[in-house]
Amino acid sequence: MTKVAVHTVTCTEKQGKISFLRKVGYGCGELGSSLSWTMISSYLTVFYTDVVGLTPLIISAIMLGARIWDAINDPMFGAIAETTESKWGRFRPYIIYGAPVLALFGSLTFLNLDIPMFWKIVWCTFTYVGCGMAYTAVNISVGSFANSITANNDERVQLNAFRGAMGSVAGVLISAVTMPLILFFGNGSTSSGNGYFWAAVIFSIISIPAFWICAFSNKEAIGGDGKAHTVGDTMRRLWGAFRTIIINRDAMCVVAAMFLFLTGVFGRLGIMAYQFIYVLKNPMAMGYFAVALQFGMGLVNLYAPFLLSRVDKKICGALSSAAQVICCVLFFIFGQQGNVMASVIVGFLYGFTNLGGLVSYGLCGEIIDDSWLKTGVRFDGVIYSVISFSTKLGNAIGGSIGIVILAAVGFVANSEMSNEVLTRMNAVINFGPALFFALAIIPFLMISMTNAKGRENEKLIAEKQ
């Protein structure tokens, strides 16, 4: 293999401030991710049941099977990316070249083909797995990129806050226009394949320049040894990273906490549409709710940098989990009352108290630094990918279990159901996620990493340069 020189940076670049424009540019990566994945996380299950005609058990099998593959694929990609050497660095090539591939699969996932049911299942499996692999390459690279731009933990929090803010901007816009687009292209129906497909196409096309802005607005300042790596080198590095993660209590606690927290988040998100379509009988209300939710999540990024720099991130994670439990209980109460406005208001509070992502990103960077100082090897790609895997696993398990339980309590697609069935659906949609949020509090509190320890590591890294 040909050795390619990597960018040489100064200590100032590694430890200093990052400009506002560069932070905005980095945040565009989350804008692209939101455009690529929001349709899948919020509408794919409904698309599979109401348009494609898949049964809940088949949907569950497809999603869980894809996540089993991700258990292998995500860490492998992390190891490959962190040993990549190119003129663009380690992670940017996968953002640049992966964005169009992700856009393609993001569109095809919502394409309902007029073919026999067996081949529909094959098609749905192929497109969903393909979309997940493309998302792995691009999103893990975006997330790992932040930890390579600077070693300053406060600046990393700022980068991730900008990332979250841009994602929330995308979320607000997507939430506001998705259902209208589905209804427009579907001629007023939520069970028309054209509506979902063309909405996905529009979002996918817009995501490509967003990812490219992220890649070209910043450069990597940490990691990369300028050496060529063989497949054997990469596999040995992967095994070494796994051993490091397994014996690293904080890394395992973050993985457990985020798995539980995100199972709650995506579990509710994956079946939330059913509450508005069937329980509240107001599909357009989901758009209002989603806008309020994303607006609340956007405001998180305004106060989170201040809060996370002064209160240990593990405490913030535990408090955020408790707040999500309270919101889920309120969702159930107002759902029973048929109170759309109150549900929208609670949706804003639900988003405003959701610190899970920023907490995990911040802890991830600090754990990577701590591991680097202890082992002498920087496993930023693998460690981030393992923590990122908890996002996908939570997404799949939350959504797949949710739809199966909905079917068990009496849900039947495109039909009128009794009030008793609707009450049970309301309970599944809200109390199930609440349980996972409550459980997430335990591993958050078990994390030993503190802000003080993170700052101490910052100084040690600065002295090594």
Protein backbone atom coordinates (compact mmCIF):
# COMPACT_ATOMS: atom_id res chain seq x y z
CA MET A 1 0.00 0.00 0.00
CA THR A 2 1.15 3.54 -0.76
CA LYS A 3 1.80 5.76 2.17
CA VAL A 4 0.03 9.10 1.98
CA ALA A 5 1.15 12.02 4.09
CA VAL A 6 -1.36 13.42 6.54
CA HIS A 7 -1.91 17.00 7.59
CA THR A 8 0.59 18.19 10.21
CA VAL A 9 -0.95 20.44 12.84
CA THR A 10 0.27 22.53 15.70
CA CYS A 11 -0.57 22.30 19.37
CA THR A 12 -2.62 25.50 18.97
CA GLU A 13 -4.85 23.80 16.42
CA LYS A 14 -5.27 20.83 18.72
CA GLN A 15 -6.05 22.78 21.87
CA GLY A 16 -7.26 26.20 20.64
CA LYS A 17 -10.63 27.72 19.77
CA ILE A 18 -12.58 26.73 16.69
CA SER A 19 -14.21 29.49 14.66
CA PHE A 20 -17.96 29.97 14.54
CA LEU A 21 -18.13 29.18 10.82
CA ARG A 22 -16.19 25.94 11.27
CA LYS A 23 -18.59 24.89 14.02
CA VAL A 24 -21.55 25.65 11.79
CA GLY A 25 -19.89 23.73 8.99
CA TYR A 26 -19.33 20.73 11.22
CA GLY A 27 -22.94 20.93 12.39
CA CYS A 28 -24.10 20.50 8.81
CA GLY A 29 -23.08 16.84 9.18
CA GLU A 30 -25.98 16.34 11.58
CA LEU A 31 -28.23 18.28 9.21
CA GLY A 32 -27.40 15.66 6.60
CA SER A 33 -27.89 12.80 9.07
CA SER A 34 -31.30 14.12 10.10
CA LEU A 35 -32.37 14.44 6.48
CA SER A 36 -31.19 10.88 5.86
CA TRP A 37 -32.57 9.08 8.91
CA THR A 38 -35.63 10.97 10.26
CA MET A 39 -37.99 9.40 7.73
CA ILE A 40 -36.67 5.95 8.66
CA SER A 41 -36.86 6.45 12.42
CA SER A 42 -40.33 8.04 12.37
CA TYR A 43 -42.21 6.63 9.38
CA LEU A 44 -40.63 3.38 8.19
CA THR A 45 -42.67 1.12 10.46
CA VAL A 46 -45.92 2.77 9.35
CA PHE A 47 -44.77 2.53 5.73
CA TYR A 48 -44.08 -1.19 6.14
CA THR A 49 -47.47 -1.95 7.73
CA ASP A 50 -49.81 0.47 5.93
CA VAL A 51 -48.19 0.59 2.47
CA VAL A 52 -46.07 -2.51 1.90
CA GLY A 53 -48.37 -4.76 3.94
CA LEU A 54 -45.70 -6.47 6.07
CA THR A 55 -46.77 -8.11 9.32
CA PRO A 56 -45.33 -6.85 12.62
CA LEU A 57 -43.36 -10.09 13.08
CA ILE A 58 -41.69 -9.72 9.68
CA ILE A 59 -40.87 -6.07 10.38
CA SER A 60 -39.36 -7.06 13.72
CA ALA A 61 -37.27 -9.79 12.08
CA ILE A 62 -35.95 -7.42 9.39
CA MET A 63 -34.96 -4.75 11.90
CA LEU A 64 -33.39 -7.10 14.42
CA GLY A 65 -31.52 -8.99 11.70
CA ALA A 66 -30.12 -5.72 10.37
CA ARG A 67 -28.96 -4.72 13.84
CA ILE A 68 -27.24 -8.06 14.38
CA TRP A 69 -25.26 -7.33 11.25
CA ASP A 70 -24.54 -3.84 12.61
CA ALA A 71 -23.04 -5.45 15.71
CA ILE A 72 -20.34 -6.73 13.37
CA ASN A 73 -20.32 -3.96 10.78
CA ASP A 74 -20.13 -0.86 12.99
CA PRO A 75 -16.95 -1.69 14.97
CA MET A 76 -15.31 -3.08 11.83
CA PHE A 77 -15.99 0.16 10.02
CA GLY A 78 -14.69 2.13 13.00
CA ALA A 79 -11.41 0.19 12.86
CA ILE A 80 -11.13 0.65 9.10
CA ALA A 81 -11.83 4.37 9.27
CA GLU A 82 -9.39 5.13 12.09
CA THR A 83 -6.56 3.38 10.18
CA THR A 84 -7.38 5.08 6.88
CA GLU A 85 -4.72 7.44 5.54
CA SER A 86 -5.61 9.80 2.69
CA LYS A 87 -5.22 13.41 1.64
CA TRP A 88 -8.58 14.05 3.33
CA GLY A 89 -7.53 12.38 6.59
CA ARG A 90 -9.19 9.35 8.17
CA PHE A 91 -12.90 10.14 8.36
CA ARG A 92 -13.65 12.76 5.72
CA PRO A 93 -13.39 10.42 2.71
CA TYR A 94 -16.30 8.37 4.02
CA ILE A 95 -18.40 11.51 4.46
CA ILE A 96 -17.58 12.82 0.98
CA TYR A 97 -18.09 9.60 -0.97
CA GLY A 98 -20.62 7.96 1.31
CA ALA A 99 -23.20 10.76 1.19
CA PRO A 100 -24.51 9.98 -2.35
CA VAL A 101 -24.71 6.26 -1.53
CA LEU A 102 -26.70 7.00 1.62
CA ALA A 103 -29.02 9.27 -0.37
CA LEU A 104 -29.66 6.49 -2.88
CA PHE A 105 -30.51 3.86 -0.29
CA GLY A 106 -32.53 6.36 1.77
CA SER A 107 -34.80 6.81 -1.24
CA LEU A 108 -34.98 3.14 -2.23
CA THR A 109 -35.99 2.15 1.31
CA PHE A 110 -39.34 3.88 0.71
CA LEU A 111 -39.90 2.45 -2.75
CA ASN A 112 -42.82 -0.01 -2.71
CA LEU A 113 -42.48 -2.42 -5.64
CA ASP A 114 -45.45 -4.21 -7.17
CA ILE A 115 -44.01 -7.71 -6.70
CA PRO A 116 -44.98 -10.87 -4.76
CA MET A 117 -44.83 -10.59 -0.96
CA PHE A 118 -41.75 -12.82 -0.63
CA TRP A 119 -39.76 -10.56 -2.92
CA LYS A 120 -41.11 -7.49 -1.13
CA ILE A 121 -39.59 -8.87 2.06
CA VAL A 122 -36.29 -9.46 0.26
CA TRP A 123 -36.38 -5.94 -1.19
CA CYS A 124 -37.19 -4.32 2.16
CA THR A 125 -34.40 -6.27 3.85
CA PHE A 126 -31.87 -5.34 1.15
CA THR A 127 -32.70 -1.63 1.15
CA TYR A 128 -32.93 -1.34 4.94
CA VAL A 129 -29.62 -3.13 5.52
CA GLY A 130 -27.97 -1.15 2.71
CA CYS A 131 -29.25 2.12 4.13
CA GLY A 132 -27.98 1.14 7.57
CA MET A 133 -24.51 0.33 6.26
CA ALA A 134 -24.30 3.60 4.34
CA TYR A 135 -25.49 5.48 7.42
CA THR A 136 -22.84 3.70 9.49
CA ALA A 137 -20.06 4.87 7.18
CA VAL A 138 -21.23 8.47 7.03
CA ASN A 139 -22.60 9.07 10.51
CA ILE A 140 -19.80 7.34 12.44
CA SER A 141 -17.34 9.39 10.40
CA VAL A 142 -19.19 12.61 11.24
CA GLY A 143 -19.25 11.72 14.95
CA SER A 144 -15.61 10.63 15.10
CA PHE A 145 -14.58 13.70 13.13
CA ALA A 146 -15.32 15.98 16.12
CA ASN A 147 -12.89 14.09 18.35
CA SER A 148 -10.22 14.48 15.66
CA ILE A 149 -10.68 18.24 15.17
CA THR A 150 -9.61 19.22 18.70
CA ALA A 151 -8.62 17.77 22.08
CA ASN A 152 -10.25 20.64 23.95
CA ASN A 153 -13.29 19.13 25.71
CA ASP A 154 -15.18 22.42 25.94
CA GLU A 155 -14.70 22.95 22.21
CA ARG A 156 -15.90 19.41 21.57
CA VAL A 157 -19.04 20.15 23.56
CA GLN A 158 -19.47 23.27 21.41
CA LEU A 159 -18.97 21.27 18.22
CA ASN A 160 -21.55 18.72 19.30
CA ALA A 161 -23.90 21.50 20.42
CA PHE A 162 -23.69 23.02 16.94
CA ARG A 163 -24.18 19.55 15.53
CA GLY A 164 -27.27 19.11 17.67
CA ALA A 165 -28.57 22.56 16.80
CA MET A 166 -28.24 21.96 13.08
CA GLY A 167 -29.90 18.58 13.51
CA SER A 168 -32.75 20.25 15.37
CA VAL A 169 -33.15 22.86 12.64
CA ALA A 170 -33.39 20.01 10.15
CA GLY A 171 -35.76 18.18 12.49
CA VAL A 172 -38.10 21.17 12.76
CA LEU A 173 -38.19 21.64 9.00
CA ILE A 174 -38.56 17.92 8.29
CA SER A 175 -41.27 17.54 10.92
CA ALA A 176 -43.19 20.50 9.53
CA VAL A 177 -43.18 19.30 5.94
CA THR A 178 -43.01 15.49 6.05
CA MET A 179 -46.67 14.69 6.64
CA PRO A 180 -47.84 17.44 4.24
CA LEU A 181 -45.46 16.01 1.61
CA ILE A 182 -46.71 12.47 2.23
CA LEU A 183 -50.31 13.63 1.93
CA PHE A 184 -49.57 15.81 -1.12
CA PHE A 185 -47.76 13.16 -3.15
CA GLY A 186 -50.14 10.49 -1.79
CA ASN A 187 -53.27 12.40 -2.85
CA GLY A 188 -54.40 12.90 0.74
CA SER A 189 -53.72 9.33 1.92
CA THR A 190 -51.26 8.14 4.60
CA SER A 191 -51.22 4.69 3.00
CA SER A 192 -49.95 5.75 -0.44
CA GLY A 193 -46.45 4.62 -1.40
CA ASN A 194 -45.87 7.66 -3.63
CA GLY A 195 -46.14 10.02 -0.68
CA TYR A 196 -43.42 8.33 1.35
CA PHE A 197 -41.13 7.74 -1.63
CA TRP A 198 -41.05 11.29 -2.96
CA ALA A 199 -40.66 12.78 0.51
CA ALA A 200 -37.65 10.50 1.03
CA VAL A 201 -36.18 11.46 -2.35
CA ILE A 202 -36.41 15.18 -1.58
CA PHE A 203 -34.74 14.81 1.83
CA SER A 204 -32.04 12.50 0.47
CA ILE A 205 -31.01 14.90 -2.30
CA ILE A 206 -30.72 17.83 0.12
CA SER A 207 -28.59 15.75 2.52
CA ILE A 208 -25.67 15.41 0.08
CA PRO A 209 -24.46 19.05 0.08
CA ALA A 210 -25.00 19.21 3.86
CA PHE A 211 -22.54 16.34 4.38
CA TRP A 212 -20.06 17.87 1.95
CA ILE A 213 -20.09 21.19 3.82
CA CYS A 214 -19.26 19.28 7.02
CA ALA A 215 -16.34 17.50 5.35
CA PHE A 216 -14.79 20.51 3.63
CA SER A 217 -15.21 23.11 6.40
CA ASN A 218 -12.88 21.39 8.88
CA LYS A 219 -9.72 19.27 8.98
CA GLU A 220 -8.45 16.61 11.32
CA ALA A 221 -5.86 17.68 13.88
CA ILE A 222 -5.57 14.59 16.07
CA GLY A 223 -4.76 10.98 15.21
CA GLY A 224 -3.41 9.41 12.07
CA ASP A 225 0.15 8.19 12.05
CA GLY A 226 0.80 8.57 8.32
CA LYS A 227 1.52 4.85 7.99
CA ALA A 228 0.04 2.36 5.56
CA HIS A 229 -2.06 -0.30 7.29
CA THR A 230 -2.77 -3.84 6.16
CA VAL A 231 -5.99 -5.75 6.80
CA GLY A 232 -4.15 -7.66 9.53
CA ASP A 233 -3.14 -4.38 11.19
CA THR A 234 -6.75 -3.25 11.16
CA MET A 235 -8.07 -6.51 12.62
CA ARG A 236 -5.43 -6.49 15.36
CA ARG A 237 -6.36 -2.92 16.14
CA LEU A 238 -10.04 -3.87 16.24
CA TRP A 239 -9.34 -6.69 18.68
CA GLY A 240 -7.20 -4.40 20.83
CA ALA A 241 -9.95 -1.80 20.88
CA PHE A 242 -12.55 -4.38 21.90
CA ARG A 243 -10.37 -5.54 24.77
CA THR A 244 -9.91 -1.93 25.84
CA ILE A 245 -13.64 -1.24 25.71
CA ILE A 246 -14.62 -4.40 27.56
CA ILE A 247 -12.32 -3.65 30.50
CA ASN A 248 -13.20 0.07 30.44
CA ARG A 249 -16.06 0.42 32.91
CA ASP A 250 -17.00 3.90 31.74
CA ALA A 251 -17.19 2.87 28.10
CA MET A 252 -19.45 -0.07 28.95
CA CYS A 253 -21.64 2.10 31.17
CA VAL A 254 -22.05 4.68 28.41
CA VAL A 255 -22.96 1.92 25.96
CA ALA A 256 -25.53 0.49 28.41
CA ALA A 257 -26.95 3.91 29.30
CA MET A 258 -27.30 5.00 25.69
CA PHE A 259 -28.79 1.67 24.63
CA LEU A 260 -31.51 1.99 27.28
CA PHE A 261 -32.04 5.71 26.74
CA LEU A 262 -32.20 5.42 22.96
CA THR A 263 -34.40 2.34 23.06
CA GLY A 264 -36.83 4.62 24.87
CA VAL A 265 -36.35 7.47 22.40
CA PHE A 266 -36.57 5.41 19.23
CA GLY A 267 -39.08 3.00 20.70
CA ARG A 268 -41.53 5.83 21.07
CA LEU A 269 -40.45 7.59 17.89
CA GLY A 270 -40.80 4.43 15.80
CA ILE A 271 -44.46 3.94 16.73
CA MET A 272 -45.43 7.51 17.59
CA ALA A 273 -47.22 7.95 14.27
CA TYR A 274 -49.76 5.32 15.34
CA GLN A 275 -50.82 7.49 18.27
CA PHE A 276 -51.69 10.40 16.00
CA ILE A 277 -53.15 8.38 13.14
CA TYR A 278 -55.20 5.92 15.23
CA VAL A 279 -55.47 7.07 18.87
CA LEU A 280 -55.90 10.81 18.34
CA LYS A 281 -57.26 10.35 14.79
CA ASN A 282 -55.38 13.42 13.64
CA PRO A 283 -52.42 12.59 11.33
CA MET A 284 -51.55 16.25 10.77
CA ALA A 285 -51.12 16.69 14.52
CA MET A 286 -47.99 14.57 14.32
CA GLY A 287 -46.42 17.34 12.27
CA TYR A 288 -47.23 19.91 14.97
CA PHE A 289 -45.94 17.58 17.67
CA ALA A 290 -42.73 16.82 15.81
CA VAL A 291 -42.07 20.52 15.20
CA ALA A 292 -42.51 21.24 18.93
CA LEU A 293 -40.27 18.29 19.79
CA GLN A 294 -37.50 19.41 17.45
CA PHE A 295 -37.80 23.02 18.56
CA GLY A 296 -37.30 21.89 22.15
CA MET A 297 -34.31 19.76 21.14
CA GLY A 298 -32.86 22.76 19.32
CA LEU A 299 -32.99 24.87 22.48
CA VAL A 300 -31.12 22.13 24.35
CA ASN A 301 -28.07 23.08 22.36
CA LEU A 302 -28.20 26.64 23.68
CA TYR A 303 -28.02 25.73 27.37
CA ALA A 304 -26.23 22.37 27.20
CA PRO A 305 -22.65 23.70 26.73
CA PHE A 306 -23.04 25.85 29.85
CA LEU A 307 -24.63 23.03 31.86
CA LEU A 308 -22.34 20.20 30.75
CA SER A 309 -19.19 22.21 31.49
CA ARG A 310 -20.35 22.82 35.08
CA VAL A 311 -22.29 19.67 36.02
CA ASP A 312 -20.84 16.19 35.50
CA LYS A 313 -22.21 14.73 32.30
CA LYS A 314 -23.32 11.51 33.99
CA ILE A 315 -25.57 13.52 36.34
CA CYS A 316 -27.05 15.39 33.39
CA GLY A 317 -27.75 12.06 31.67
CA ALA A 318 -29.55 10.67 34.73
CA LEU A 319 -31.66 13.83 35.17
CA SER A 320 -32.55 13.85 31.48
CA SER A 321 -33.71 10.22 31.73
CA ALA A 322 -35.95 11.05 34.68
CA ALA A 323 -37.47 13.99 32.79
CA GLN A 324 -38.25 11.73 29.83
CA VAL A 325 -40.13 9.35 32.14
CA ILE A 326 -42.34 12.18 33.40
CA CYS A 327 -43.07 13.35 29.85
CA CYS A 328 -44.08 9.83 28.75
CA VAL A 329 -46.59 9.60 31.61
CA LEU A 330 -48.06 12.95 30.55
CA PHE A 331 -48.24 11.78 26.93
CA PHE A 332 -50.38 8.84 28.02
CA ILE A 333 -52.71 11.02 30.12
CA PHE A 334 -53.29 13.58 27.39
CA GLY A 335 -53.59 10.84 24.77
CA GLN A 336 -56.43 9.32 26.77
CA GLN A 337 -58.10 12.71 26.91
CA GLY A 338 -57.64 13.26 23.18
CA ASN A 339 -55.91 16.55 24.01
CA VAL A 340 -53.74 17.33 20.99
CA MET A 341 -52.60 20.76 22.18
CA ALA A 342 -51.39 19.44 25.53
CA SER A 343 -49.56 16.61 23.74
CA VAL A 344 -47.79 19.16 21.55
CA ILE A 345 -46.74 21.22 24.59
CA VAL A 346 -45.39 18.14 26.36
CA GLY A 347 -43.62 17.28 23.10
CA PHE A 348 -41.68 20.52 23.43
CA LEU A 349 -40.72 19.69 27.04
CA TYR A 350 -39.77 16.17 25.96
CA GLY A 351 -37.32 17.61 23.46
CA PHE A 352 -36.12 20.41 25.75
CA THR A 353 -35.02 17.92 28.42
CA ASN A 354 -33.40 15.42 26.01
CA LEU A 355 -29.69 15.65 26.76
CA GLY A 356 -28.87 12.05 25.91
CA GLY A 357 -27.04 12.70 22.67
CA LEU A 358 -24.88 15.56 23.93
CA VAL A 359 -24.05 13.68 27.13
CA SER A 360 -22.94 10.60 25.19
CA TYR A 361 -20.90 12.59 22.64
CA GLY A 362 -19.15 14.48 25.44
CA LEU A 363 -18.41 11.35 27.45
CA CYS A 364 -17.26 9.52 24.33
CA GLY A 365 -14.55 12.11 23.64
CA GLU A 366 -13.37 12.06 27.25
CA ILE A 367 -13.27 8.25 27.34
CA ILE A 368 -11.30 8.16 24.08
CA ASP A 369 -8.75 10.59 25.51
CA ASP A 370 -8.51 8.65 28.78
CA SER A 371 -7.98 5.37 26.92
CA TRP A 372 -5.36 7.03 24.68
CA LEU A 373 -3.38 8.21 27.70
CA LYS A 374 -3.53 4.77 29.33
CA THR A 375 -2.85 2.55 26.30
CA GLY A 376 -0.91 4.82 23.94
CA VAL A 377 -3.30 3.98 21.09
CA ARG A 378 -6.16 6.21 20.02
CA PHE A 379 -9.25 4.08 19.33
CA ASP A 380 -11.54 6.96 18.40
CA GLY A 381 -13.25 5.25 15.47
CA VAL A 382 -13.92 1.93 17.21
CA ILE A 383 -15.00 3.39 20.56
CA TYR A 384 -17.32 5.89 18.86
CA SER A 385 -18.72 3.17 16.58
CA VAL A 386 -19.49 0.87 19.53
CA ILE A 387 -21.32 3.69 21.32
CA SER A 388 -23.00 4.65 18.02
CA PHE A 389 -24.12 1.04 17.66
CA SER A 390 -26.22 1.49 20.80
CA THR A 391 -28.15 4.13 18.84
CA LYS A 392 -29.00 1.70 16.06
CA LEU A 393 -29.72 -1.15 18.46
CA GLY A 394 -32.04 1.08 20.46
CA ASN A 395 -33.71 2.20 17.24
CA ALA A 396 -34.26 -1.36 16.03
CA ILE A 397 -35.29 -2.95 19.33
CA GLY A 398 -37.48 -0.04 20.34
CA GLY A 399 -39.31 0.02 17.02
CA SER A 400 -39.44 -3.72 16.40
CA ILE A 401 -40.62 -4.64 19.89
CA GLY A 402 -43.10 -1.78 19.87
CA ILE A 403 -44.86 -2.84 16.69
CA VAL A 404 -45.03 -6.47 17.84
CA ILE A 405 -46.59 -5.45 21.16
CA LEU A 406 -49.03 -3.16 19.35
CA ALA A 407 -50.16 -6.12 17.28
CA ALA A 408 -50.47 -8.22 20.45
CA VAL A 409 -52.83 -5.69 22.07
CA GLY A 410 -55.10 -5.65 19.02
CA PHE A 411 -53.69 -3.21 16.44
CA VAL A 412 -54.82 -3.85 12.87
CA ALA A 413 -53.54 -1.57 10.09
CA ASN A 414 -56.03 0.61 8.19
CA SER A 415 -58.99 -0.33 10.40
CA GLU A 416 -61.33 1.07 13.07
CA MET A 417 -60.45 -0.28 16.52
CA SER A 418 -62.33 -0.25 19.84
CA ASN A 419 -61.58 2.22 22.62
CA GLU A 420 -60.12 -0.61 24.69
CA VAL A 421 -57.61 -1.44 21.97
CA LEU A 422 -56.73 2.23 21.51
CA THR A 423 -56.12 2.59 25.27
CA ARG A 424 -53.78 -0.40 25.22
CA MET A 425 -51.98 1.06 22.20
CA ASN A 426 -51.58 4.36 24.04
CA ALA A 427 -50.06 2.53 27.01
CA VAL A 428 -47.60 0.59 24.83
CA ILE A 429 -46.52 3.73 22.96
CA ASN A 430 -45.75 5.64 26.17
CA PHE A 431 -45.19 3.36 29.18
CA GLY A 432 -42.81 1.03 27.33
CA PRO A 433 -40.33 3.84 26.54
CA ALA A 434 -40.76 5.23 30.07
CA LEU A 435 -39.48 1.94 31.49
CA PHE A 436 -36.30 2.10 29.40
CA PHE A 437 -35.69 5.73 30.38
CA ALA A 438 -35.99 4.79 34.06
CA LEU A 439 -33.51 1.92 33.64
CA ALA A 440 -31.02 4.23 31.88
CA ILE A 441 -30.57 6.21 35.10
CA ILE A 442 -28.64 3.31 36.68
CA PRO A 443 -25.68 3.02 34.23
CA PHE A 444 -25.48 6.81 33.91
CA LEU A 445 -24.87 7.09 37.65
CA MET A 446 -22.30 4.26 37.54
CA ILE A 447 -19.96 6.23 35.22
CA SER A 448 -16.80 7.38 37.03
CA MET A 449 -15.64 9.97 34.46
CA THR A 450 -16.07 13.52 35.74
CA ASN A 451 -15.51 16.96 34.26
CA ALA A 452 -12.51 17.40 36.55
CA LYS A 453 -10.92 14.19 35.25
CA GLY A 454 -11.59 15.27 31.66
CA ARG A 455 -9.82 18.60 32.20
CA GLU A 456 -6.89 16.84 33.84
CA ASN A 457 -6.55 14.64 30.75
CA GLU A 458 -6.69 17.73 28.53
CA LYS A 459 -3.59 19.08 30.26
CA LEU A 460 -1.76 15.77 29.93
CA ILE A 461 -2.51 15.62 26.20
CA ALA A 462 -1.31 19.19 25.76
CA GLU A 463 1.96 18.32 27.52
CA LYS A 464 2.50 15.34 25.20
CA GLN A 465 2.31 17.42 22.03
